[in-house]
Structures are given as structure tokens and as C-alpha cells.
Amino acid sequence: MELEEMQAVWSEMSTQLEQQKKLTDKMITMMTQEKYRNRLNKVAYPEMIGAVICYTVAILILINLSKLDNWYTLLSGIITVIILLVLPIMSLGSINKMRNLDVARNSYKQTLIQYAKAKKRFQKVITASYYLGFIVMFTIMPVSSKLINGKDFFAETKSVWTLAVAIPLAITFFILFSRWVVKCYTNNISSAESLIKELEETT
């Protein structure tokens, strides 16, 4: 084989190897994108279910708003409805910012910058959700008492025992449940982030 023929063969092989590498890199990126979204879906799906519950409760309160016949029960109902309507928008909006990150098209640097911004926003939303959820836990008590039992929560003789026993239990449950949720979310988000960082090593 002459030198020119060897050079031509070598050039063709180099081109094929380069094309194969690009194809492999593209497949790895696409697989990473899929895995990344699957990780964040574990956060998004529970939030979607939560959004349905929030909107259902908010609609039920709005339909029965006329039954809240004193100022503090009515105020509690309005505060509850506002929070239940706002929370899902904040939460799902921040999650979608992370889920819709285009790992395949963006460069590694762009992906990391966009992810960092989306993650920071989500963490702020989680913190806000914690405090707003804590408020709802109290505002929904007089509302549910009035709508379910037709009774004034604060006027009942048993309310003293309810305040002394049920509320501390509710607070304890809320704190433990919130910590568990945040831990699950953090694990899935960290797992999604590690996939992005692994992408630089494999491509």
C-alpha cells in the first residue's frame, strides 16, 4: 500500500472515529437528560398531587364561604384560600425551571449556571412553603370546624383540650413530616445535580 493510500485510509478512519465519538457523546447526553428529568419527576409528581389537593380544598372553602359567619373564621378562610392557591404555583414553577433545563443543547457551563439559579429559587420556595404551611395548619382549624361540624372552633368547651393536646401534636407531626419531605427532595435534587457533573467527565 502506497503512502497516499495509507493517508487516505487513516483520514477516513479518523473521520469515522470522530463521528462515532460525537454520536456516543450525544447518546450519553440524551440519556443523562432522561435520567435527570426522572430524578426531578420524583419531586414534581408529589407536588402535582399536592397542588390538586390544595386547589380542591380552596374551591370547597370558596363555595362555602358564606358559612364562615364571624370575622375571625372568615379571615382564616380567606388566608387559607390565598395560601392554598399561591403555594402550588410557586412550587411547580420552581420545579419546572429545573426540569426544563436542556442538558443536551446547552454547554456544561451554561447548564451548571442555569441549574444553580433554578436550585436556589427552589430552595427559597421550600423555605417559604414551610412557613406558609405552618400558617395554614392554624388557619384551617376554625374553617374546617365550621364547615364540617357547623361549630365555632373557639366557642366550643372542648377547645381548651384541643388547644392543649391536638395543636402540639399537629405541630410535631408537621415538623417531622416537613423534614422528611425536604430530605427526600434534597436527595433527588442532589442526585440530579450529580448527573450533570458526571456529564463533564464522560463527554
N, C-alpha and C. Protein backbone atom coordinates (compact mmCIF):
# COMPACT_ATOMS: atom_id res chain seq x y z
N MET A 1 0.86 -1.19 0.00
CA MET A 1 0.00 0.00 0.00
C MET A 1 0.89 1.24 0.00
N GLU A 2 0.60 2.15 -0.95
CA GLU A 2 1.39 3.37 -1.04
C GLU A 2 1.05 4.33 0.09
N LEU A 3 1.98 5.30 0.27
CA LEU A 3 1.83 6.26 1.36
C LEU A 3 0.54 7.07 1.24
N GLU A 4 0.20 7.47 0.01
CA GLU A 4 -1.01 8.28 -0.19
C GLU A 4 -2.26 7.49 0.17
N GLU A 5 -2.28 6.20 -0.19
CA GLU A 5 -3.42 5.34 0.12
C GLU A 5 -3.55 5.15 1.64
N MET A 6 -2.41 4.96 2.31
CA MET A 6 -2.41 4.81 3.76
C MET A 6 -2.93 6.06 4.46
N GLN A 7 -2.53 7.23 3.92
CA GLN A 7 -3.00 8.50 4.49
C GLN A 7 -4.51 8.67 4.30
N ALA A 8 -4.99 8.24 3.13
CA ALA A 8 -6.43 8.33 2.83
C ALA A 8 -7.23 7.43 3.75
N VAL A 9 -6.72 6.20 3.95
CA VAL A 9 -7.39 5.24 4.84
C VAL A 9 -7.40 5.76 6.27
N TRP A 10 -6.24 6.28 6.69
CA TRP A 10 -6.12 6.82 8.06
C TRP A 10 -7.06 8.01 8.28
N SER A 11 -7.15 8.87 7.27
CA SER A 11 -8.03 10.04 7.34
C SER A 11 -9.49 9.61 7.44
N GLU A 12 -9.84 8.57 6.65
CA GLU A 12 -11.22 8.06 6.67
C GLU A 12 -11.55 7.44 8.03
N MET A 13 -10.57 6.69 8.58
CA MET A 13 -10.77 6.07 9.88
C MET A 13 -10.91 7.13 10.98
N SER A 14 -10.12 8.18 10.88
CA SER A 14 -10.17 9.27 11.87
C SER A 14 -11.53 9.95 11.83
N THR A 15 -12.05 10.16 10.60
CA THR A 15 -13.37 10.79 10.43
C THR A 15 -14.46 9.93 11.04
N GLN A 16 -14.37 8.61 10.78
CA GLN A 16 -15.36 7.68 11.31
C GLN A 16 -15.32 7.63 12.84
N LEU A 17 -14.10 7.63 13.39
CA LEU A 17 -13.95 7.62 14.85
C LEU A 17 -14.50 8.89 15.48
N GLU A 18 -14.27 10.01 14.80
CA GLU A 18 -14.77 11.30 15.30
C GLU A 18 -16.31 11.32 15.28
N GLN A 19 -16.87 10.81 14.18
CA GLN A 19 -18.33 10.74 14.07
C GLN A 19 -18.92 9.82 15.14
N GLN A 20 -18.23 8.69 15.35
CA GLN A 20 -18.68 7.73 16.36
C GLN A 20 -18.63 8.35 17.75
N LYS A 21 -17.55 9.12 18.02
CA LYS A 21 -17.41 9.78 19.32
C LYS A 21 -18.53 10.80 19.53
N LYS A 22 -18.83 11.58 18.47
CA LYS A 22 -19.91 12.57 18.57
C LYS A 22 -21.25 11.91 18.83
N LEU A 23 -21.48 10.78 18.14
CA LEU A 23 -22.72 10.03 18.32
C LEU A 23 -22.82 9.48 19.74
N THR A 24 -21.69 8.94 20.24
CA THR A 24 -21.65 8.40 21.60
C THR A 24 -21.91 9.50 22.62
N ASP A 25 -21.25 10.65 22.43
CA ASP A 25 -21.43 11.79 23.34
C ASP A 25 -22.88 12.26 23.34
N LYS A 26 -23.49 12.27 22.15
CA LYS A 26 -24.89 12.70 22.04
C LYS A 26 -25.81 11.73 22.77
N MET A 27 -25.55 10.43 22.60
CA MET A 27 -26.37 9.41 23.28
C MET A 27 -26.23 9.52 24.80
N ILE A 28 -24.99 9.75 25.28
CA ILE A 28 -24.75 9.89 26.71
C ILE A 28 -25.49 11.11 27.25
N THR A 29 -25.44 12.22 26.48
CA THR A 29 -26.12 13.45 26.89
C THR A 29 -27.63 13.25 26.96
N MET A 30 -28.18 12.57 25.95
CA MET A 30 -29.63 12.32 25.92
C MET A 30 -30.06 11.42 27.07
N MET A 31 -29.24 10.41 27.36
CA MET A 31 -29.54 9.51 28.48
C MET A 31 -29.47 10.26 29.81
N THR A 32 -28.48 11.16 29.91
CA THR A 32 -28.34 11.98 31.11
C THR A 32 -29.55 12.88 31.29
N GLN A 33 -30.01 13.46 30.17
CA GLN A 33 -31.20 14.33 30.21
C GLN A 33 -32.41 13.56 30.72
N GLU A 34 -32.57 12.34 30.23
CA GLU A 34 -33.71 11.50 30.64
C GLU A 34 -33.62 11.14 32.12
N LYS A 35 -32.43 10.72 32.56
CA LYS A 35 -32.23 10.37 33.97
C LYS A 35 -32.44 11.59 34.87
N TYR A 36 -31.96 12.74 34.39
CA TYR A 36 -32.09 13.99 35.15
C TYR A 36 -33.56 14.33 35.38
N ARG A 37 -34.36 14.22 34.32
CA ARG A 37 -35.79 14.53 34.45
C ARG A 37 -36.50 13.50 35.32
N ASN A 38 -36.10 12.25 35.22
CA ASN A 38 -36.70 11.21 36.06
C ASN A 38 -36.46 11.46 37.54
N ARG A 39 -35.25 11.93 37.87
CA ARG A 39 -34.94 12.26 39.27
C ARG A 39 -35.85 13.39 39.76
N LEU A 40 -36.00 14.42 38.93
CA LEU A 40 -36.80 15.58 39.34
C LEU A 40 -38.30 15.29 39.29
N ASN A 41 -38.69 14.28 38.50
CA ASN A 41 -40.10 13.87 38.50
C ASN A 41 -40.52 13.32 39.86
N LYS A 42 -39.55 12.76 40.59
CA LYS A 42 -39.84 12.24 41.93
C LYS A 42 -40.17 13.38 42.90
N VAL A 43 -39.79 14.59 42.53
CA VAL A 43 -40.16 15.78 43.30
C VAL A 43 -41.43 16.40 42.71
N ALA A 44 -41.50 16.42 41.37
CA ALA A 44 -42.61 17.09 40.69
C ALA A 44 -43.96 16.38 40.89
N TYR A 45 -43.98 15.05 40.80
CA TYR A 45 -45.26 14.32 40.88
C TYR A 45 -45.95 14.48 42.24
N PRO A 46 -45.22 14.35 43.37
CA PRO A 46 -45.89 14.60 44.66
C PRO A 46 -46.41 16.03 44.77
N GLU A 47 -45.67 16.98 44.18
CA GLU A 47 -46.10 18.37 44.22
C GLU A 47 -47.36 18.58 43.38
N MET A 48 -47.47 17.85 42.28
CA MET A 48 -48.68 17.93 41.44
C MET A 48 -49.90 17.39 42.19
N ILE A 49 -49.69 16.28 42.88
CA ILE A 49 -50.78 15.72 43.71
C ILE A 49 -51.16 16.71 44.80
N GLY A 50 -50.14 17.31 45.43
CA GLY A 50 -50.38 18.32 46.45
C GLY A 50 -51.13 19.51 45.91
N ALA A 51 -50.81 19.90 44.67
CA ALA A 51 -51.49 21.04 44.03
C ALA A 51 -52.98 20.75 43.83
N VAL A 52 -53.29 19.52 43.41
CA VAL A 52 -54.69 19.12 43.21
C VAL A 52 -55.45 19.20 44.54
N ILE A 53 -54.80 18.70 45.60
CA ILE A 53 -55.43 18.75 46.93
C ILE A 53 -55.64 20.19 47.39
N CYS A 54 -54.61 21.02 47.21
CA CYS A 54 -54.70 22.43 47.61
C CYS A 54 -55.84 23.14 46.88
N TYR A 55 -55.94 22.96 45.57
CA TYR A 55 -56.98 23.62 44.79
C TYR A 55 -58.38 23.10 45.13
N THR A 56 -58.46 21.79 45.40
CA THR A 56 -59.75 21.20 45.79
C THR A 56 -60.25 21.81 47.09
N VAL A 57 -59.36 21.88 48.09
CA VAL A 57 -59.72 22.45 49.39
C VAL A 57 -60.07 23.93 49.24
N ALA A 58 -59.28 24.65 48.45
CA ALA A 58 -59.53 26.09 48.24
C ALA A 58 -60.90 26.32 47.61
N ILE A 59 -61.26 25.50 46.61
CA ILE A 59 -62.56 25.62 45.94
C ILE A 59 -63.70 25.32 46.91
N LEU A 60 -63.52 24.28 47.73
CA LEU A 60 -64.55 23.92 48.72
C LEU A 60 -64.78 25.05 49.72
N ILE A 61 -63.69 25.69 50.14
CA ILE A 61 -63.82 26.82 51.08
C ILE A 61 -64.53 27.99 50.41
N LEU A 62 -64.15 28.28 49.17
CA LEU A 62 -64.77 29.40 48.44
C LEU A 62 -66.26 29.17 48.22
N ILE A 63 -66.64 27.93 47.91
CA ILE A 63 -68.06 27.59 47.69
C ILE A 63 -68.86 27.80 48.97
N ASN A 64 -68.24 27.49 50.10
CA ASN A 64 -68.93 27.56 51.40
C ASN A 64 -68.53 28.79 52.22
N LEU A 65 -68.01 29.81 51.55
CA LEU A 65 -67.52 30.99 52.25
C LEU A 65 -68.61 31.69 53.08
N SER A 66 -69.83 31.62 52.60
CA SER A 66 -70.95 32.27 53.32
C SER A 66 -71.23 31.62 54.69
N LYS A 67 -70.77 30.38 54.86
CA LYS A 67 -70.98 29.69 56.14
C LYS A 67 -70.01 30.16 57.23
N LEU A 68 -68.96 30.85 56.81
CA LEU A 68 -68.00 31.39 57.78
C LEU A 68 -68.56 32.71 58.28
N ASP A 69 -69.40 32.65 59.31
CA ASP A 69 -70.25 33.78 59.69
C ASP A 69 -69.71 34.70 60.78
N ASN A 70 -68.43 34.60 61.12
CA ASN A 70 -67.85 35.61 62.01
C ASN A 70 -66.50 36.05 61.44
N TRP A 71 -66.02 37.18 61.92
CA TRP A 71 -64.86 37.81 61.27
C TRP A 71 -63.59 36.96 61.31
N TYR A 72 -63.32 36.28 62.43
CA TYR A 72 -62.07 35.53 62.53
C TYR A 72 -62.10 34.23 61.72
N THR A 73 -63.29 33.62 61.63
CA THR A 73 -63.40 32.42 60.80
C THR A 73 -63.32 32.78 59.32
N LEU A 74 -63.97 33.89 58.96
CA LEU A 74 -63.92 34.37 57.57
C LEU A 74 -62.49 34.76 57.19
N LEU A 75 -61.80 35.48 58.09
CA LEU A 75 -60.40 35.88 57.84
C LEU A 75 -59.52 34.65 57.68
N SER A 76 -59.73 33.65 58.55
CA SER A 76 -58.97 32.39 58.46
C SER A 76 -59.21 31.71 57.12
N GLY A 77 -60.47 31.71 56.68
CA GLY A 77 -60.82 31.11 55.39
C GLY A 77 -60.15 31.80 54.22
N ILE A 78 -60.14 33.13 54.24
CA ILE A 78 -59.53 33.90 53.15
C ILE A 78 -58.02 33.68 53.11
N ILE A 79 -57.39 33.72 54.29
CA ILE A 79 -55.93 33.48 54.36
C ILE A 79 -55.59 32.08 53.86
N THR A 80 -56.39 31.09 54.28
CA THR A 80 -56.17 29.70 53.85
C THR A 80 -56.29 29.57 52.34
N VAL A 81 -57.33 30.15 51.77
CA VAL A 81 -57.55 30.07 50.31
C VAL A 81 -56.39 30.70 49.55
N ILE A 82 -55.96 31.88 49.97
CA ILE A 82 -54.86 32.57 49.28
C ILE A 82 -53.59 31.72 49.30
N ILE A 83 -53.26 31.19 50.47
CA ILE A 83 -52.04 30.37 50.57
C ILE A 83 -52.16 29.09 49.74
N LEU A 84 -53.33 28.45 49.79
CA LEU A 84 -53.53 27.20 49.03
C LEU A 84 -53.47 27.43 47.52
N LEU A 85 -53.83 28.62 47.07
CA LEU A 85 -53.76 28.94 45.64
C LEU A 85 -52.35 29.33 45.21
N VAL A 86 -51.63 30.01 46.10
CA VAL A 86 -50.29 30.51 45.75
C VAL A 86 -49.22 29.43 45.85
N LEU A 87 -49.30 28.59 46.87
CA LEU A 87 -48.26 27.58 47.12
C LEU A 87 -47.95 26.69 45.91
N PRO A 88 -48.97 26.08 45.27
CA PRO A 88 -48.66 25.21 44.13
C PRO A 88 -48.02 25.95 42.96
N ILE A 89 -48.43 27.20 42.74
CA ILE A 89 -47.85 27.98 41.64
C ILE A 89 -46.37 28.21 41.89
N MET A 90 -46.04 28.60 43.12
CA MET A 90 -44.64 28.81 43.48
C MET A 90 -43.83 27.53 43.35
N SER A 91 -44.36 26.46 43.91
CA SER A 91 -43.64 25.19 43.96
C SER A 91 -43.43 24.59 42.57
N LEU A 92 -44.53 24.43 41.82
CA LEU A 92 -44.43 23.80 40.50
C LEU A 92 -43.64 24.66 39.53
N GLY A 93 -43.74 25.99 39.68
CA GLY A 93 -42.97 26.89 38.82
C GLY A 93 -41.48 26.71 39.02
N SER A 94 -41.05 26.60 40.28
CA SER A 94 -39.62 26.44 40.57
C SER A 94 -39.10 25.07 40.14
N ILE A 95 -39.94 24.04 40.30
CA ILE A 95 -39.53 22.69 39.88
C ILE A 95 -39.41 22.61 38.37
N ASN A 96 -40.35 23.21 37.66
CA ASN A 96 -40.32 23.20 36.19
C ASN A 96 -39.09 23.90 35.65
N LYS A 97 -38.61 24.92 36.36
CA LYS A 97 -37.38 25.61 35.94
C LYS A 97 -36.21 24.63 35.91
N MET A 98 -36.18 23.73 36.88
CA MET A 98 -35.11 22.73 36.92
C MET A 98 -35.36 21.60 35.93
N ARG A 99 -36.62 21.16 35.86
CA ARG A 99 -36.96 20.03 34.97
C ARG A 99 -36.73 20.37 33.50
N ASN A 100 -37.01 21.61 33.12
CA ASN A 100 -36.93 22.02 31.72
C ASN A 100 -35.53 22.45 31.29
N LEU A 101 -34.57 22.22 32.14
CA LEU A 101 -33.18 22.54 31.81
C LEU A 101 -32.74 21.65 30.64
N ASP A 102 -32.25 22.26 29.57
CA ASP A 102 -31.88 21.49 28.37
C ASP A 102 -30.40 21.11 28.44
N VAL A 103 -30.16 19.95 29.02
CA VAL A 103 -28.78 19.46 29.18
C VAL A 103 -28.16 19.14 27.82
N ALA A 104 -28.97 18.67 26.88
CA ALA A 104 -28.47 18.23 25.57
C ALA A 104 -27.97 19.40 24.72
N ARG A 105 -28.66 20.53 24.76
CA ARG A 105 -28.31 21.65 23.89
C ARG A 105 -27.33 22.63 24.52
N ASN A 106 -27.47 22.86 25.80
CA ASN A 106 -26.60 23.83 26.47
C ASN A 106 -25.20 23.26 26.70
N SER A 107 -24.24 24.16 26.84
CA SER A 107 -22.90 23.72 27.21
C SER A 107 -22.91 23.36 28.70
N TYR A 108 -21.84 22.69 29.11
CA TYR A 108 -21.75 22.25 30.51
C TYR A 108 -21.81 23.46 31.44
N LYS A 109 -21.10 24.54 31.08
CA LYS A 109 -21.05 25.74 31.92
C LYS A 109 -22.44 26.39 32.01
N GLN A 110 -23.11 26.52 30.85
CA GLN A 110 -24.46 27.10 30.83
C GLN A 110 -25.43 26.28 31.67
N THR A 111 -25.32 24.97 31.54
CA THR A 111 -26.20 24.07 32.30
C THR A 111 -26.01 24.26 33.80
N LEU A 112 -24.75 24.32 34.23
CA LEU A 112 -24.47 24.49 35.66
C LEU A 112 -24.98 25.83 36.18
N ILE A 113 -24.79 26.90 35.40
CA ILE A 113 -25.25 28.24 35.82
C ILE A 113 -26.77 28.26 35.95
N GLN A 114 -27.46 27.74 34.93
CA GLN A 114 -28.93 27.72 34.94
C GLN A 114 -29.46 26.83 36.08
N TYR A 115 -28.79 25.70 36.27
CA TYR A 115 -29.20 24.79 37.34
C TYR A 115 -29.03 25.44 38.70
N ALA A 116 -27.90 26.11 38.91
CA ALA A 116 -27.62 26.76 40.19
C ALA A 116 -28.70 27.81 40.51
N LYS A 117 -29.11 28.59 39.50
CA LYS A 117 -30.15 29.60 39.69
C LYS A 117 -31.48 28.95 40.03
N ALA A 118 -31.83 27.89 39.28
CA ALA A 118 -33.11 27.20 39.50
C ALA A 118 -33.14 26.52 40.86
N LYS A 119 -32.01 25.94 41.26
CA LYS A 119 -31.92 25.27 42.56
C LYS A 119 -32.07 26.28 43.70
N LYS A 120 -31.42 27.42 43.56
CA LYS A 120 -31.50 28.47 44.58
C LYS A 120 -32.95 28.95 44.73
N ARG A 121 -33.63 29.12 43.61
CA ARG A 121 -35.02 29.55 43.65
C ARG A 121 -35.90 28.49 44.32
N PHE A 122 -35.65 27.23 43.99
CA PHE A 122 -36.44 26.15 44.58
C PHE A 122 -36.24 26.08 46.09
N GLN A 123 -35.00 26.27 46.54
CA GLN A 123 -34.72 26.24 47.98
C GLN A 123 -35.45 27.37 48.71
N LYS A 124 -35.54 28.54 48.07
CA LYS A 124 -36.28 29.66 48.66
C LYS A 124 -37.77 29.34 48.75
N VAL A 125 -38.28 28.69 47.70
CA VAL A 125 -39.70 28.30 47.67
C VAL A 125 -39.99 27.28 48.77
N ILE A 126 -39.09 26.32 48.96
CA ILE A 126 -39.26 25.30 50.00
C ILE A 126 -39.33 25.96 51.38
N THR A 127 -38.45 26.93 51.61
CA THR A 127 -38.45 27.65 52.89
C THR A 127 -39.76 28.41 53.08
N ALA A 128 -40.18 29.11 52.02
CA ALA A 128 -41.44 29.87 52.09
C ALA A 128 -42.63 28.93 52.31
N SER A 129 -42.60 27.79 51.63
CA SER A 129 -43.69 26.80 51.76
C SER A 129 -43.79 26.27 53.18
N TYR A 130 -42.65 26.12 53.82
CA TYR A 130 -42.62 25.62 55.20
C TYR A 130 -43.38 26.58 56.12
N TYR A 131 -43.07 27.86 56.02
CA TYR A 131 -43.71 28.86 56.88
C TYR A 131 -45.18 29.07 56.53
N LEU A 132 -45.49 29.07 55.23
CA LEU A 132 -46.89 29.23 54.80
C LEU A 132 -47.71 28.02 55.22
N GLY A 133 -47.13 26.84 55.11
CA GLY A 133 -47.82 25.62 55.54
C GLY A 133 -48.10 25.63 57.03
N PHE A 134 -47.17 26.19 57.79
CA PHE A 134 -47.33 26.31 59.23
C PHE A 134 -48.51 27.23 59.56
N ILE A 135 -48.64 28.32 58.79
CA ILE A 135 -49.76 29.25 58.98
C ILE A 135 -51.08 28.56 58.65
N VAL A 136 -51.11 27.84 57.52
CA VAL A 136 -52.33 27.14 57.10
C VAL A 136 -52.80 26.13 58.14
N MET A 137 -51.83 25.48 58.79
CA MET A 137 -52.18 24.49 59.80
C MET A 137 -53.08 25.10 60.88
N PHE A 138 -52.86 26.37 61.20
CA PHE A 138 -53.66 27.05 62.22
C PHE A 138 -54.94 27.67 61.65
N THR A 139 -54.81 28.29 60.46
CA THR A 139 -55.98 28.98 59.89
C THR A 139 -57.07 28.01 59.43
N ILE A 140 -56.68 26.80 59.07
CA ILE A 140 -57.67 25.85 58.56
C ILE A 140 -58.48 25.19 59.68
N MET A 141 -57.98 25.25 60.91
CA MET A 141 -58.70 24.63 62.03
C MET A 141 -60.10 25.22 62.26
N PRO A 142 -60.22 26.54 62.45
CA PRO A 142 -61.56 27.10 62.63
C PRO A 142 -62.44 26.98 61.40
N VAL A 143 -61.82 27.00 60.23
CA VAL A 143 -62.57 26.87 58.97
C VAL A 143 -63.16 25.48 58.84
N SER A 144 -62.32 24.45 59.04
CA SER A 144 -62.81 23.07 58.91
C SER A 144 -63.83 22.74 59.99
N SER A 145 -63.64 23.28 61.20
CA SER A 145 -64.60 23.05 62.29
C SER A 145 -65.97 23.61 61.92
N LYS A 146 -65.97 24.78 61.31
CA LYS A 146 -67.23 25.42 60.94
C LYS A 146 -67.90 24.71 59.76
N LEU A 147 -67.11 24.34 58.77
CA LEU A 147 -67.68 23.74 57.55
C LEU A 147 -68.07 22.28 57.76
N ILE A 148 -67.33 21.54 58.56
CA ILE A 148 -67.61 20.11 58.76
C ILE A 148 -68.65 19.90 59.86
N ASN A 149 -68.43 20.57 61.01
CA ASN A 149 -69.31 20.36 62.17
C ASN A 149 -70.35 21.46 62.36
N GLY A 150 -70.16 22.57 61.67
CA GLY A 150 -71.07 23.70 61.84
C GLY A 150 -70.89 24.39 63.18
N LYS A 151 -69.72 24.21 63.80
CA LYS A 151 -69.48 24.77 65.13
C LYS A 151 -68.32 25.75 65.13
N ASP A 152 -68.38 26.70 66.04
CA ASP A 152 -67.31 27.67 66.22
C ASP A 152 -66.17 27.00 66.99
N PHE A 153 -65.04 26.91 66.38
CA PHE A 153 -63.88 26.22 66.97
C PHE A 153 -63.50 26.80 68.33
N PHE A 154 -63.51 28.13 68.44
CA PHE A 154 -63.07 28.79 69.67
C PHE A 154 -64.15 28.86 70.74
N ALA A 155 -65.41 28.68 70.33
CA ALA A 155 -66.52 28.77 71.30
C ALA A 155 -66.83 27.44 71.96
N GLU A 156 -66.30 26.36 71.43
CA GLU A 156 -66.59 25.03 71.97
C GLU A 156 -65.90 24.84 73.33
N THR A 157 -66.57 24.17 74.22
CA THR A 157 -66.00 23.90 75.56
C THR A 157 -64.80 22.96 75.48
N LYS A 158 -64.77 22.12 74.46
CA LYS A 158 -63.67 21.16 74.31
C LYS A 158 -62.44 21.80 73.66
N SER A 159 -62.59 23.05 73.24
CA SER A 159 -61.49 23.72 72.54
C SER A 159 -60.24 23.85 73.41
N VAL A 160 -60.42 23.99 74.73
CA VAL A 160 -59.27 24.10 75.63
C VAL A 160 -58.42 22.84 75.54
N TRP A 161 -59.09 21.69 75.57
CA TRP A 161 -58.37 20.42 75.46
C TRP A 161 -57.77 20.25 74.07
N THR A 162 -58.50 20.73 73.08
CA THR A 162 -58.00 20.66 71.70
C THR A 162 -56.73 21.49 71.56
N LEU A 163 -56.77 22.70 72.11
CA LEU A 163 -55.61 23.58 72.03
C LEU A 163 -54.42 23.00 72.80
N ALA A 164 -54.71 22.34 73.92
CA ALA A 164 -53.64 21.82 74.78
C ALA A 164 -53.02 20.53 74.27
N VAL A 165 -53.81 19.72 73.54
CA VAL A 165 -53.34 18.39 73.12
C VAL A 165 -53.16 18.30 71.60
N ALA A 166 -54.21 18.63 70.87
CA ALA A 166 -54.19 18.43 69.42
C ALA A 166 -53.18 19.34 68.72
N ILE A 167 -53.11 20.59 69.14
CA ILE A 167 -52.22 21.53 68.45
C ILE A 167 -50.74 21.15 68.62
N PRO A 168 -50.27 20.83 69.84
CA PRO A 168 -48.86 20.38 69.95
C PRO A 168 -48.57 19.13 69.12
N LEU A 169 -49.54 18.21 69.07
CA LEU A 169 -49.37 17.00 68.25
C LEU A 169 -49.30 17.36 66.77
N ALA A 170 -50.17 18.30 66.36
CA ALA A 170 -50.19 18.74 64.95
C ALA A 170 -48.87 19.41 64.58
N ILE A 171 -48.36 20.24 65.49
CA ILE A 171 -47.09 20.94 65.24
C ILE A 171 -45.94 19.92 65.11
N THR A 172 -45.92 18.96 66.01
CA THR A 172 -44.88 17.91 65.98
C THR A 172 -44.93 17.13 64.68
N PHE A 173 -46.15 16.72 64.29
CA PHE A 173 -46.32 15.97 63.04
C PHE A 173 -45.88 16.81 61.84
N PHE A 174 -46.27 18.08 61.84
CA PHE A 174 -45.93 18.98 60.73
C PHE A 174 -44.42 19.11 60.58
N ILE A 175 -43.73 19.32 61.70
CA ILE A 175 -42.27 19.49 61.67
C ILE A 175 -41.58 18.22 61.18
N LEU A 176 -41.99 17.06 61.71
CA LEU A 176 -41.38 15.78 61.31
C LEU A 176 -41.66 15.47 59.84
N PHE A 177 -42.91 15.69 59.43
CA PHE A 177 -43.29 15.42 58.03
C PHE A 177 -42.54 16.35 57.08
N SER A 178 -42.45 17.63 57.44
CA SER A 178 -41.76 18.61 56.59
C SER A 178 -40.29 18.26 56.43
N ARG A 179 -39.66 17.84 57.53
CA ARG A 179 -38.25 17.45 57.46
C ARG A 179 -38.05 16.24 56.57
N TRP A 180 -38.97 15.28 56.66
CA TRP A 180 -38.89 14.08 55.83
C TRP A 180 -39.03 14.43 54.35
N VAL A 181 -39.99 15.32 54.04
CA VAL A 181 -40.22 15.75 52.65
C VAL A 181 -39.00 16.48 52.11
N VAL A 182 -38.47 17.42 52.90
CA VAL A 182 -37.30 18.19 52.47
C VAL A 182 -36.10 17.26 52.24
N LYS A 183 -35.94 16.27 53.11
CA LYS A 183 -34.84 15.31 52.96
C LYS A 183 -34.97 14.51 51.66
N CYS A 184 -36.19 14.05 51.36
CA CYS A 184 -36.44 13.30 50.11
C CYS A 184 -36.17 14.17 48.90
N TYR A 185 -36.67 15.41 48.93
CA TYR A 185 -36.48 16.34 47.82
C TYR A 185 -34.99 16.65 47.63
N THR A 186 -34.29 16.89 48.73
CA THR A 186 -32.86 17.22 48.67
C THR A 186 -32.06 16.07 48.07
N ASN A 187 -32.40 14.84 48.45
CA ASN A 187 -31.70 13.67 47.92
C ASN A 187 -31.89 13.55 46.41
N ASN A 188 -33.12 13.75 45.94
CA ASN A 188 -33.39 13.65 44.50
C ASN A 188 -32.75 14.78 43.71
N ILE A 189 -32.75 15.97 44.29
CA ILE A 189 -32.13 17.12 43.61
C ILE A 189 -30.62 16.95 43.56
N SER A 190 -30.03 16.47 44.64
CA SER A 190 -28.58 16.22 44.68
C SER A 190 -28.20 15.14 43.67
N SER A 191 -29.06 14.14 43.55
CA SER A 191 -28.83 13.06 42.59
C SER A 191 -28.88 13.60 41.16
N ALA A 192 -29.82 14.50 40.90
CA ALA A 192 -29.94 15.13 39.57
C ALA A 192 -28.71 15.99 39.28
N GLU A 193 -28.25 16.69 40.29
CA GLU A 193 -27.07 17.55 40.14
C GLU A 193 -25.82 16.72 39.85
N SER A 194 -25.70 15.58 40.50
CA SER A 194 -24.53 14.72 40.27
C SER A 194 -24.49 14.19 38.84
N LEU A 195 -25.67 13.99 38.24
CA LEU A 195 -25.73 13.55 36.84
C LEU A 195 -25.15 14.60 35.91
N ILE A 196 -25.43 15.87 36.21
CA ILE A 196 -24.88 16.96 35.39
C ILE A 196 -23.37 17.00 35.52
N LYS A 197 -22.88 16.86 36.76
CA LYS A 197 -21.44 16.92 36.98
C LYS A 197 -20.72 15.72 36.36
N GLU A 198 -21.37 14.57 36.33
CA GLU A 198 -20.79 13.38 35.71
C GLU A 198 -20.68 13.55 34.20
N LEU A 199 -21.55 14.40 33.65
CA LEU A 199 -21.57 14.61 32.19
C LEU A 199 -20.26 15.17 31.68
N GLU A 200 -19.64 16.04 32.45
CA GLU A 200 -18.36 16.63 32.04
C GLU A 200 -17.27 15.56 31.96
N GLU A 201 -17.33 14.57 32.85
CA GLU A 201 -16.31 13.52 32.88
C GLU A 201 -16.46 12.53 31.75
N THR A 202 -17.71 12.33 31.32
CA THR A 202 -17.96 11.27 30.31
C THR A 202 -17.96 11.79 28.88
N THR A 203 -18.07 13.13 28.73
CA THR A 203 -18.10 13.68 27.36
C THR A 203 -16.85 14.47 27.05
